[in-house]
Protein backbone atom coordinates (compact mmCIF):
# COMPACT_ATOMS: atom_id res chain seq x y z
CA MET A 1 -138.17 10.40 84.19
CA GLU A 2 -136.34 13.56 82.50
CA LEU A 3 -135.53 13.19 79.12
CA LYS A 4 -131.83 14.32 78.22
CA ILE A 5 -131.79 16.56 75.14
CA PHE A 6 -128.41 17.52 73.43
CA ARG A 7 -127.91 20.41 70.98
CA ASP A 8 -125.79 21.96 68.69
CA ALA A 9 -125.47 25.20 66.36
CA LEU A 10 -125.11 25.16 62.58
CA PRO A 11 -125.01 27.97 60.12
CA ALA A 12 -128.20 27.52 58.15
CA ALA A 13 -129.33 29.07 55.19
CA GLY A 14 -131.16 32.26 56.23
CA ALA A 15 -133.52 34.80 54.20
CA ASP A 16 -132.76 35.74 50.85
CA CYS A 17 -134.21 38.49 48.62
CA THR A 18 -133.63 40.44 45.35
CA VAL A 19 -134.36 44.05 45.02
CA LYS A 20 -134.17 46.69 42.51
CA ALA A 21 -133.28 50.24 42.57
CA GLU A 22 -132.67 52.84 40.18
CA LEU A 23 -129.75 55.20 40.08
CA PRO A 24 -130.54 58.57 38.35
CA LEU A 25 -127.72 60.07 36.10
CA GLU A 26 -128.24 63.90 35.37
CA THR A 27 -124.87 65.76 35.05
CA GLU A 28 -122.68 68.06 32.54
CA ILE A 29 -119.24 67.22 31.35
CA LEU A 30 -117.02 69.89 30.44
CA ILE A 31 -114.43 69.08 27.89
CA SER A 32 -110.68 69.80 28.86
CA ASP A 33 -108.68 72.12 27.08
CA TYR A 34 -106.28 69.49 25.77
CA LEU A 35 -108.94 67.73 24.05
CA PRO A 36 -110.76 68.79 20.98
CA PRO A 37 -114.09 70.23 20.81
CA VAL A 38 -117.29 68.11 19.97
CA PHE A 39 -118.07 67.95 16.48
CA LYS A 40 -120.50 65.03 16.94
CA LEU A 41 -121.43 62.76 19.73
CA VAL A 42 -121.13 58.89 19.21
CA LYS A 43 -121.88 57.02 22.18
CA CYS A 44 -122.39 57.32 25.90
CA PHE A 45 -121.92 54.73 28.42
CA ALA A 46 -122.56 54.25 32.14
CA LYS A 47 -121.26 51.53 34.65
CA PRO A 48 -121.47 51.29 38.34
CA VAL A 49 -118.54 50.60 40.50
CA VAL A 50 -119.77 49.68 44.22
CA LEU A 51 -117.02 50.37 46.74
CA GLN A 52 -119.03 49.45 49.96
CA LYS A 53 -121.94 47.26 50.90
CA GLN A 54 -123.49 47.30 54.35
CA LEU A 55 -126.50 45.31 55.54
CA GLN A 56 -128.66 46.25 58.27
CA THR A 57 -131.96 45.00 59.65
CA GLY A 58 -134.28 46.09 57.14
CA LYS A 59 -131.68 48.00 54.67
CA LEU A 60 -128.91 47.61 52.15
CA THR A 61 -126.77 50.36 51.79
CA LEU A 62 -124.26 50.90 48.49
CA GLU A 63 -121.62 53.47 48.09
CA GLY A 64 -119.77 53.92 45.03
CA TYR A 65 -119.83 55.97 41.91
CA LEU A 66 -121.11 56.03 38.43
CA ARG A 67 -118.49 56.31 35.72
CA CYS A 68 -120.10 58.19 32.68
CA ILE A 69 -117.97 57.87 29.56
CA VAL A 70 -118.81 59.79 26.38
CA TYR A 71 -117.26 59.04 22.93
CA TYR A 72 -117.38 61.77 20.30
CA GLN A 73 -116.02 62.81 17.04
CA GLY A 74 -113.82 65.84 17.37
CA GLU A 75 -113.86 68.84 15.34
CA GLU A 76 -111.22 69.55 12.39
CA ASP A 77 -110.59 65.90 11.75
CA ALA A 78 -109.75 65.03 15.28
CA GLY A 79 -111.18 61.64 15.09
CA LEU A 80 -112.63 59.69 17.79
CA CYS A 81 -112.18 61.08 21.32
CA GLN A 82 -113.44 60.22 25.02
CA THR A 83 -114.26 61.79 28.13
CA GLU A 84 -115.51 60.70 31.44
CA GLN A 85 -116.66 61.88 34.79
CA LYS A 86 -117.36 59.88 38.25
CA LEU A 87 -120.45 60.36 39.77
CA PRO A 88 -120.51 59.36 43.60
CA PHE A 89 -123.66 57.60 44.98
CA ASN A 90 -124.91 56.18 48.18
CA LYS A 91 -128.02 54.35 47.72
CA VAL A 92 -130.20 52.80 50.56
CA LEU A 93 -132.27 49.71 49.26
CA GLU A 94 -135.13 48.85 51.63
CA LEU A 95 -135.50 45.00 52.60
CA PRO A 96 -137.91 42.90 54.39
CA GLU A 97 -136.66 42.74 58.07
CA PHE A 98 -134.97 39.27 58.82
CA THR A 99 -131.82 38.42 61.29
CA PHE A 100 -128.41 36.73 60.09
CA THR A 101 -125.16 35.90 61.15
CA ALA A 102 -123.35 36.15 57.95
CA TRP A 103 -124.30 37.51 54.44
CA THR A 104 -123.53 38.39 50.87
CA ALA A 105 -124.61 40.78 48.30
CA GLN A 106 -124.29 40.50 44.61
CA VAL A 107 -125.03 43.73 42.92
CA GLU A 108 -125.35 43.99 39.21
CA GLY A 109 -127.58 46.10 36.43
CA GLN A 110 -127.84 47.48 33.12
CA THR A 111 -128.56 50.88 31.74
CA GLU A 112 -132.38 51.56 31.73
CA TYR A 113 -132.04 54.71 29.21
CA LEU A 114 -129.42 57.05 28.38
CA ASN A 115 -129.27 60.47 26.43
CA CYS A 116 -126.39 62.81 25.87
CA ARG A 117 -126.51 66.01 23.92
CA SER A 118 -123.80 68.50 23.03
CA VAL A 119 -124.92 72.06 24.37
CA THR A 120 -121.63 73.52 23.26
CA PRO A 121 -118.75 72.27 21.57
CA ARG A 122 -117.15 71.97 25.08
CA ARG A 123 -120.27 71.15 27.38
CA VAL A 124 -122.16 67.62 27.11
CA GLU A 125 -125.39 67.15 28.90
CA VAL A 126 -126.12 63.52 30.22
CA ARG A 127 -129.43 62.22 31.33
CA GLY A 128 -130.18 58.78 32.09
CA ALA A 129 -130.67 55.91 34.67
CA PHE A 130 -129.06 52.92 35.71
CA GLY A 131 -130.92 49.88 37.16
CA LEU A 132 -129.33 48.16 40.14
CA VAL A 133 -130.21 44.55 40.95
CA ALA A 134 -129.10 43.58 44.54
CA SER A 135 -129.63 39.74 45.59
CA VAL A 136 -129.06 39.19 49.15
CA TYR A 137 -128.05 35.79 50.75
CA THR A 138 -127.78 35.35 54.47
CA GLN A 139 -126.98 32.71 56.75
CA LEU A 140 -128.41 32.31 60.64
CA LYS A 141 -127.14 30.55 63.63
CA THR A 142 -129.43 27.69 64.23
CA GLU A 143 -129.89 25.24 67.06
CA VAL A 144 -130.70 21.46 66.20
CA ILE A 145 -131.07 18.16 68.31
CA THR A 146 -127.89 16.16 67.96
CA ALA A 147 -128.92 13.59 70.50
CA LEU A 148 -131.50 12.37 72.86
CA SER A 149 -131.19 9.94 75.95
CA ASP A 150 -132.96 8.38 78.68
CA GLY A 151 -137.02 7.37 79.03
CA GLY A 152 -136.74 4.49 76.57
CA ILE A 153 -136.00 6.82 73.66
CA GLU A 154 -135.08 5.55 70.22
CA GLN A 155 -133.83 7.86 67.59
CA ARG A 156 -132.95 7.93 64.01
CA LEU A 157 -129.93 10.16 63.08
CA THR A 158 -129.30 11.84 59.69
CA THR A 159 -126.23 13.94 58.91
CA LEU A 160 -126.54 17.45 57.70
CA GLU A 161 -123.88 19.04 55.25
CA GLY A 162 -123.29 22.45 54.26
CA VAL A 163 -120.84 25.17 54.26
CA ARG A 164 -120.29 28.05 56.85
CA ARG A 165 -119.72 31.19 54.80
CA THR A 166 -116.30 32.32 56.94
CA ALA A 167 -115.18 35.34 54.50
CA VAL A 168 -116.68 37.93 52.49
CA LEU A 169 -113.97 40.48 51.33
CA ASP A 170 -113.88 43.11 48.46
CA LYS A 171 -110.82 45.12 48.57
CA LEU A 172 -109.46 47.66 46.39
CA VAL A 173 -105.78 47.49 45.49
CA THR A 174 -103.56 49.20 43.21
CA VAL A 175 -101.23 48.00 40.63
CA GLU A 176 -98.55 50.19 39.09
CA GLY A 177 -96.34 49.87 36.01
CA GLU A 178 -95.15 51.30 32.87
CA LEU A 179 -96.79 52.06 29.36
CA ALA A 180 -94.43 52.36 26.56
CA PHE A 181 -95.59 54.53 23.54
CA PRO A 182 -93.92 54.43 19.96
CA SER A 183 -94.89 58.08 19.43
CA LEU A 184 -96.60 60.51 21.53
CA PRO A 185 -100.40 59.79 21.97
CA ALA A 186 -102.74 62.70 20.88
CA ALA A 187 -105.70 60.95 22.81
CA ILE A 188 -106.00 57.59 24.75
CA LEU A 189 -109.74 56.34 23.95
CA ASP A 190 -109.67 53.42 26.11
CA LEU A 191 -108.12 51.33 28.86
CA ALA A 192 -109.40 47.96 29.57
CA GLY A 193 -107.89 44.99 31.26
CA THR A 194 -108.51 41.35 32.55
CA VAL A 195 -106.91 40.13 35.63
CA SER A 196 -106.25 36.48 36.56
CA VAL A 197 -105.40 35.35 39.93
CA HIS A 198 -102.95 31.92 39.24
CA ASP A 199 -102.30 31.57 42.76
CA LEU A 200 -104.15 31.87 46.20
CA LYS A 201 -102.58 30.80 49.40
CA VAL A 202 -104.59 30.62 52.41
CA LEU A 203 -103.35 31.12 55.86
CA ASN A 204 -104.73 31.51 59.36
CA ALA A 205 -106.57 34.97 59.08
CA LYS A 206 -104.65 35.79 55.96
CA ALA A 207 -104.70 34.94 52.19
CA VAL A 208 -101.85 35.67 49.65
CA ALA A 209 -103.26 36.41 46.14
CA LYS A 210 -100.88 36.43 43.13
CA GLY A 211 -101.61 37.17 39.63
CA THR A 212 -101.36 39.17 36.37
CA LEU A 213 -103.04 42.19 35.04
CA SER A 214 -103.42 42.41 31.26
CA VAL A 215 -103.88 45.84 30.08
CA LEU A 216 -105.08 46.88 26.59
CA CYS A 217 -104.67 50.72 25.68
CA ALA A 218 -106.71 51.89 22.55
CA TRP A 219 -105.17 55.39 21.37
CA ARG A 220 -104.16 57.36 18.50
CA ALA A 221 -101.08 59.51 17.62
CA GLU A 222 -100.77 63.32 16.83
CA GLY A 223 -102.03 63.77 13.24
CA ASP A 224 -103.26 59.97 12.65
CA ASN A 225 -106.67 58.96 13.09
CA THR A 226 -106.08 55.50 12.96
CA LEU A 227 -106.54 53.83 16.34
CA GLN A 228 -103.65 51.71 17.54
CA SER A 229 -103.29 49.55 20.53
CA GLN A 230 -100.76 48.96 23.06
CA SER A 231 -100.67 46.05 25.52
CA VAL A 232 -98.76 45.63 28.73
CA GLU A 233 -98.86 42.82 31.59
CA LEU A 234 -98.17 43.67 35.38
CA PRO A 235 -97.97 41.09 37.92
CA PHE A 236 -99.07 41.69 41.64
CA ASN A 237 -99.01 40.21 44.68
CA GLN A 238 -101.15 41.00 47.60
CA VAL A 239 -101.65 39.87 50.91
CA LEU A 240 -105.10 40.06 52.51
CA ASP A 241 -106.09 40.00 56.32
CA VAL A 242 -109.38 38.05 56.55
CA GLU A 243 -110.57 37.36 59.88
CA GLY A 244 -111.82 33.75 60.85
CA LEU A 245 -110.28 32.44 57.49
CA SER A 246 -108.40 29.05 57.91
CA GLU A 247 -106.50 26.55 55.92
CA ASP A 248 -109.28 23.92 55.92
CA CYS A 249 -111.67 26.77 53.93
CA ARG A 250 -112.69 26.43 50.12
CA CYS A 251 -111.84 30.01 48.99
CA LEU A 252 -112.10 31.83 45.55
CA CYS A 253 -110.26 35.02 44.52
CA VAL A 254 -111.83 37.04 41.43
CA ALA A 255 -110.23 40.44 40.60
CA GLU A 256 -111.61 43.04 38.26
CA PRO A 257 -110.06 46.43 36.97
CA VAL A 258 -112.31 49.37 37.87
CA GLY A 259 -110.08 52.28 36.78
CA PHE A 260 -106.92 53.21 35.12
CA THR A 261 -104.47 56.30 35.20
CA VAL A 262 -101.87 57.01 32.87
CA THR A 263 -99.42 59.81 33.27
CA GLN A 264 -97.06 60.87 30.38
CA GLY A 265 -93.48 60.42 31.15
CA GLU A 266 -90.97 63.07 30.34
CA GLY A 267 -88.96 63.26 27.03
CA ASP A 268 -88.81 59.45 25.77
CA ALA A 269 -89.50 57.88 29.13
CA PRO A 270 -92.41 55.51 29.44
CA SER A 271 -96.03 56.34 30.83
CA ALA A 272 -96.70 55.60 34.33
CA LEU A 273 -99.90 53.23 34.61
CA SER A 274 -101.64 52.89 37.79
CA ALA A 275 -104.64 50.46 37.71
CA THR A 276 -107.38 50.08 40.61
CA VAL A 277 -108.48 46.72 40.94
CA MET A 278 -111.20 45.15 43.03
CA LEU A 279 -110.43 41.65 44.63
CA ARG A 280 -113.35 39.78 45.70
CA LEU A 281 -112.45 36.88 48.36
CA ARG A 282 -115.03 34.36 49.02
CA ALA A 283 -114.28 31.62 51.68
CA TRP A 284 -116.65 28.56 52.86
CA ARG A 285 -115.78 26.09 55.50
CA PRO A 286 -117.47 22.85 55.03
CA TYR A 287 -119.02 20.82 58.05
CA GLN A 288 -121.00 17.81 58.80
CA LEU A 289 -123.35 17.66 61.65
CA GLN A 290 -125.51 14.84 62.66
CA CYS A 291 -128.89 15.61 64.25
CA VAL A 292 -132.16 13.76 65.29
CA ALA A 293 -134.28 13.06 62.14
CA ASP A 294 -137.14 11.06 64.21
CA ALA A 295 -137.41 9.58 67.54
CA PHE A 296 -139.98 8.01 70.09
CA SER A 297 -139.99 6.06 73.20
CA THR A 298 -140.82 2.23 74.03
CA GLN A 299 -142.15 3.48 77.52
CA TYR A 300 -143.92 6.60 77.26
CA GLU A 301 -146.14 8.48 74.70
CA THR A 302 -144.26 10.99 72.71
CA ASP A 303 -145.10 13.92 70.15
CA PRO A 304 -142.08 15.19 68.44
CA VAL A 305 -142.26 18.67 67.02
CA PRO A 306 -140.86 19.15 63.60
CA GLN A 307 -138.19 21.62 62.55
CA THR A 308 -137.28 22.30 59.20
CA VAL A 309 -133.55 22.89 58.69
CA PRO A 310 -132.54 24.93 55.45
CA THR A 311 -128.60 24.22 54.56
CA GLU A 312 -126.57 25.94 52.00
CA SER A 313 -123.86 23.95 50.13
CA LEU A 314 -121.26 24.70 47.63
CA LEU A 315 -122.30 23.14 44.39
CA CYS A 316 -119.64 23.65 42.04
CA ALA A 317 -116.69 26.29 41.15
CA LEU A 318 -116.53 28.08 37.93
CA ASN A 319 -113.45 29.17 36.15
CA GLU A 320 -114.37 28.96 32.42
CA THR A 321 -114.43 30.79 29.01
CA THR A 322 -116.64 30.58 26.28
CA THR A 323 -116.66 32.30 22.89
CA LEU A 324 -119.73 33.91 21.37
CA THR A 325 -119.91 35.03 17.78
CA GLY A 326 -122.65 36.95 15.72
CA SER A 327 -123.34 38.91 12.64
CA GLY A 328 -125.59 41.43 11.47
CA PRO A 329 -125.65 43.92 8.66
CA LEU A 330 -124.45 47.47 8.70
CA PRO A 331 -126.55 50.54 7.58
CA ASP A 332 -123.22 51.64 5.25
CA ALA A 333 -121.60 49.01 3.60
CA GLY A 334 -118.51 50.73 3.38
CA ALA A 335 -118.08 51.51 6.94
CA LYS A 336 -114.61 51.22 8.45
CA ILE A 337 -114.57 49.55 12.27
CA LEU A 338 -112.45 51.61 14.47
CA ALA A 339 -112.97 50.33 17.91
CA CYS A 340 -115.36 47.97 20.12
CA PHE A 341 -116.41 47.13 23.44
CA ALA A 342 -118.72 44.80 25.41
CA SER A 343 -120.98 45.09 28.27
CA ILE A 344 -122.35 42.12 30.45
CA GLY A 345 -125.69 42.04 31.73
CA PRO A 346 -126.90 40.55 35.12
CA ALA A 347 -125.91 36.79 35.25
CA GLN A 348 -128.62 34.16 36.27
CA LEU A 349 -129.21 30.51 36.54
CA LEU A 350 -131.92 28.97 34.28
CA TRP A 351 -133.19 25.48 33.59
CA GLN A 352 -132.47 24.79 29.79
CA GLY A 353 -133.75 21.38 28.58
CA LYS A 354 -132.08 18.75 30.64
CA SER A 355 -129.58 21.08 32.59
CA TRP A 356 -128.88 24.05 34.33
CA ALA A 357 -126.96 27.06 32.60
CA LEU A 358 -125.42 30.30 33.47
CA THR A 359 -126.84 33.03 31.22
CA ALA A 360 -126.03 36.59 30.46
CA ARG A 361 -126.77 38.93 27.79
CA VAL A 362 -123.73 40.54 26.02
CA VAL A 363 -123.77 43.68 24.10
CA VAL A 364 -121.03 44.73 21.96
CA THR A 365 -120.65 48.27 20.72
CA ALA A 366 -118.49 48.66 17.55
CA PHE A 367 -117.20 52.38 16.46
CA GLY A 368 -117.25 52.89 12.64
CA GLU A 369 -116.13 55.59 10.31
CA ASN A 370 -119.05 55.64 7.40
CA SER A 371 -118.63 56.53 3.75
CA LEU A 372 -119.14 60.18 4.75
CA ALA A 373 -116.25 60.28 7.03
CA GLU A 374 -118.54 60.51 10.27
CA LEU A 375 -118.20 58.25 13.20
CA GLU A 376 -121.28 55.86 14.14
CA SER A 377 -121.77 53.12 16.59
CA TYR A 378 -123.24 50.03 16.00
CA GLU A 379 -124.55 47.37 18.33
CA LYS A 380 -124.96 43.36 18.41
CA THR A 381 -126.53 41.79 21.19
CA LEU A 382 -125.20 37.95 22.02
CA GLU A 383 -126.48 35.52 24.61
CA LEU A 384 -124.49 33.57 26.84
CA ALA A 385 -125.63 30.27 28.00
CA LEU A 386 -122.64 28.21 30.09
CA PRO A 387 -123.93 24.92 30.97
CA LEU A 388 -122.94 23.96 34.87
CA PRO A 389 -120.66 21.04 35.13
CA THR A 390 -123.22 19.58 37.88
CA ASP A 391 -126.35 17.17 37.57
CA ALA A 392 -128.45 19.14 39.95
CA PRO A 393 -132.30 18.66 39.50
CA GLU A 394 -134.91 20.84 38.02
CA GLU A 395 -136.20 21.62 41.33
CA ALA A 396 -133.10 22.45 42.96
CA VAL A 397 -132.76 26.06 44.55
CA LEU A 398 -129.41 27.14 43.12
CA TYR A 399 -127.88 30.79 42.89
CA PRO A 400 -124.61 32.26 41.45
CA GLU A 401 -121.88 34.45 42.95
CA CYS A 402 -120.17 35.09 39.87
CA TRP A 403 -118.24 37.59 37.99
CA LEU A 404 -118.09 37.63 33.93
CA SER A 405 -115.32 39.79 31.99
CA THR A 406 -114.34 39.88 28.64
CA GLU A 407 -111.06 38.33 27.66
CA ASN A 408 -110.92 38.89 23.87
CA LEU A 409 -113.27 40.72 21.32
CA GLN A 410 -112.91 41.19 17.84
CA CYS A 411 -115.00 43.30 15.49
CA ARG A 412 -114.74 43.31 11.45
CA CYS A 413 -116.72 44.62 8.54
CA THR A 414 -117.14 41.67 6.13
CA GLY A 415 -119.43 42.45 2.94
CA GLY A 416 -121.60 45.01 4.66
CA ALA A 417 -121.86 43.02 7.67
CA LEU A 418 -120.76 43.33 11.32
CA ASP A 419 -118.95 40.25 12.43
CA VAL A 420 -118.46 39.82 15.84
CA SER A 421 -116.56 37.63 18.21
CA VAL A 422 -116.06 37.91 22.19
CA THR A 423 -114.70 35.37 24.48
CA VAL A 424 -116.03 35.52 28.16
CA ARG A 425 -114.49 34.38 31.29
CA VAL A 426 -116.96 33.26 34.09
CA GLU A 427 -115.23 32.97 37.60
CA GLY A 428 -117.04 32.27 40.86
CA ALA A 429 -119.38 29.54 42.57
CA VAL A 430 -122.70 28.34 42.35
CA LEU A 431 -124.40 27.32 45.72
CA ARG A 432 -127.39 25.16 46.68
CA ARG A 433 -130.02 25.64 49.33
CA SER A 434 -131.65 22.40 50.46
CA VAL A 435 -134.25 21.63 53.19
CA SER A 436 -134.06 18.71 55.68
CA SER A 437 -136.60 17.83 58.26
CA CYS A 438 -135.42 17.19 62.00
CA VAL A 439 -136.81 17.08 65.34
CA GLY A 440 -136.92 20.29 67.01
CA ASN A 441 -138.42 19.52 70.33
CA LEU A 442 -139.86 16.52 72.28
CA ALA A 443 -141.07 15.57 75.49
CA LEU A 444 -142.19 12.35 77.19
CA GLY A 445 -145.85 12.32 77.94
CA GLU A 446 -148.00 9.42 79.73
CA LYS A 447 -146.57 6.03 80.40
CA LEU A 448 -147.52 3.63 77.73
CA ALA A 449 -150.00 0.73 78.66
CA PRO A 450 -148.52 -2.34 79.75
CA ALA A 451 -148.16 -5.04 76.80
CA ASP A 452 -150.74 -7.75 76.66
CA PRO A 453 -148.63 -10.66 78.35
CA GLU A 454 -150.53 -13.21 76.41
CA ILE A 455 -148.75 -11.68 72.96
CA SER A 456 -145.36 -12.47 72.57
CA LEU A 457 -144.95 -11.75 68.79
CA ARG A 458 -147.22 -10.03 66.21
CA ILE A 459 -146.54 -10.09 62.41
CA TYR A 460 -146.23 -7.31 60.29
CA TYR A 461 -146.79 -7.24 56.22
CA ALA A 462 -143.92 -4.84 55.19
CA GLN A 463 -143.76 -3.72 51.62
CA ALA A 464 -140.64 -3.34 49.69
CA GLY A 465 -139.03 0.39 50.75
CA GLU A 466 -140.85 0.86 54.05
CA GLU A 467 -138.39 2.09 56.78
CA LEU A 468 -137.62 -0.16 59.73
CA PHE A 469 -137.55 2.71 62.12
CA ALA A 470 -141.12 3.81 61.13
CA ILE A 471 -142.50 0.16 61.48
CA ALA A 472 -140.74 -0.26 65.06
CA LYS A 473 -142.08 3.25 66.06
CA HIS A 474 -145.83 2.11 65.26
CA TYR A 475 -145.33 -0.73 67.72
CA HIS A 476 -143.09 1.03 70.16
CA VAL A 477 -140.44 -1.43 70.05
CA SER A 478 -136.90 -1.01 69.63
CA PRO A 479 -135.38 -1.16 66.15
CA GLY A 480 -132.57 -3.52 67.43
CA GLN A 481 -135.45 -5.80 68.78
CA MET A 482 -136.79 -5.79 64.96
CA LEU A 483 -133.38 -6.90 63.70
CA ALA A 484 -132.87 -9.55 66.14
CA ALA A 485 -136.37 -10.96 65.74
CA ASN A 486 -135.98 -11.02 62.01
CA ASP A 487 -132.23 -11.82 61.48
CA LEU A 488 -131.57 -8.77 59.64
CA ALA A 489 -128.24 -7.74 59.03
CA GLU A 490 -126.96 -4.86 61.49
CA GLY A 491 -127.52 -1.38 60.02
CA THR A 492 -130.51 -2.63 58.10
CA THR A 493 -132.48 0.57 57.66
CA THR A 494 -135.08 -0.02 54.64
CA ILE A 495 -136.97 -3.24 53.83
CA ASP A 496 -135.70 -4.30 50.42
CA LYS A 497 -138.48 -6.64 49.32
CA ALA A 498 -142.16 -7.61 50.59
CA ARG A 499 -141.89 -9.91 53.40
CA ARG A 500 -143.35 -10.79 56.94
CA LEU A 501 -141.58 -9.25 59.88
CA LEU A 502 -141.97 -10.45 63.42
CA VAL A 503 -142.84 -7.79 65.92
CA PRO A 504 -141.66 -8.74 69.68
CA GLY A 505 -143.99 -7.83 72.22
CA ALA A 506 -143.02 -4.54 74.33
């Protein structure tokens, strides 16, 4: 007799890997004529901006640029000044070879070392390296057996649940507006911002993201070394074309500003502000699929081939803020804090005590003027540990798809110490990978020997927690016959207490 096998496909969790690479930084920055010459270098920063990611068999290609920023003290009491340069890169990361039908790559990193020196008052040499960390997660279309019939087959079904990754979109958009200064700025030292997406509407193959870009500008006026700040909020409404997106998807949209341009207006007109924002859209479609977890035949010998099916589920979404504080002594108790910046290292999930937490290192850099009127930089490192709103066990396999940004940062000098307070926003999702065991294949073997006609019933001493299906499989009888012979309720799958069971003859 031929056994009928019915199959279907599901998006199983595929291969995953984390690779590291180094981006060398070697450049010379020429100080523009409209900027003061260099008197003293204060601090140099590097930050990568990844514009394109492409996954192919055995390699991940990253395209973008390193944003190199140099802060210095200008000559002739010019105060704190800033210049920067963008260094394009195209980096190929070698990966193990694996197949996939959907994928995502989270790219983070931190500065390994960075040295800068002033060759001349108008030429700065920068040497260093930035360490990239790329975490790749894939999904793979996998077939499973959903039903069996004929040949006296008995089967135990289980339901697999997970999410199908339907959208991974990173898109650069431009947000424009105006920035009004009370007086003509002599230098703009920093432009930073945060973006909040407060409304996301999902349609078929489209998404509409509405939000607000909050920009904070640090600047100083002509003839004044005191730093001032100017802020503006710019609303935006962006339509995104996303193939495969539908209204039943679970979506998140996170935005990050990656660059700003200010063009001075004529006369008393406000300056034109243009911001480049990276919109990151992620979408998952939940699914449920029944598959055969175990099977046997009441008429034939069977030897099921097991199949391990890894699935991926959306554990929780994150949109939280947490405030970190710290304090440390300053080398000059009389220092005056002028400005401060924060950089956040790679995020990872760690088991802490009795729960999971999202952790990252936050480094705050403060610029100050010491008692000799020279500019210095001071650093304070803070540790972020945000508990997850979930009760996943310690052995769970989790990974974050999150982005961290600074919402509020304050630094002040109190009694010779640097006091720091920084509010960090965490946006994104945490996914969980689980493994289920199913029947991958099954064939009918030799016909079972006829039952002894003189034995109509057997007695089996079952223990609490034993599966009724396993007992029926051992004796090659139908679980339905076991239910009827022992007057058990329909749908009983597990023996609740120790008892004798009657096993009908085959």
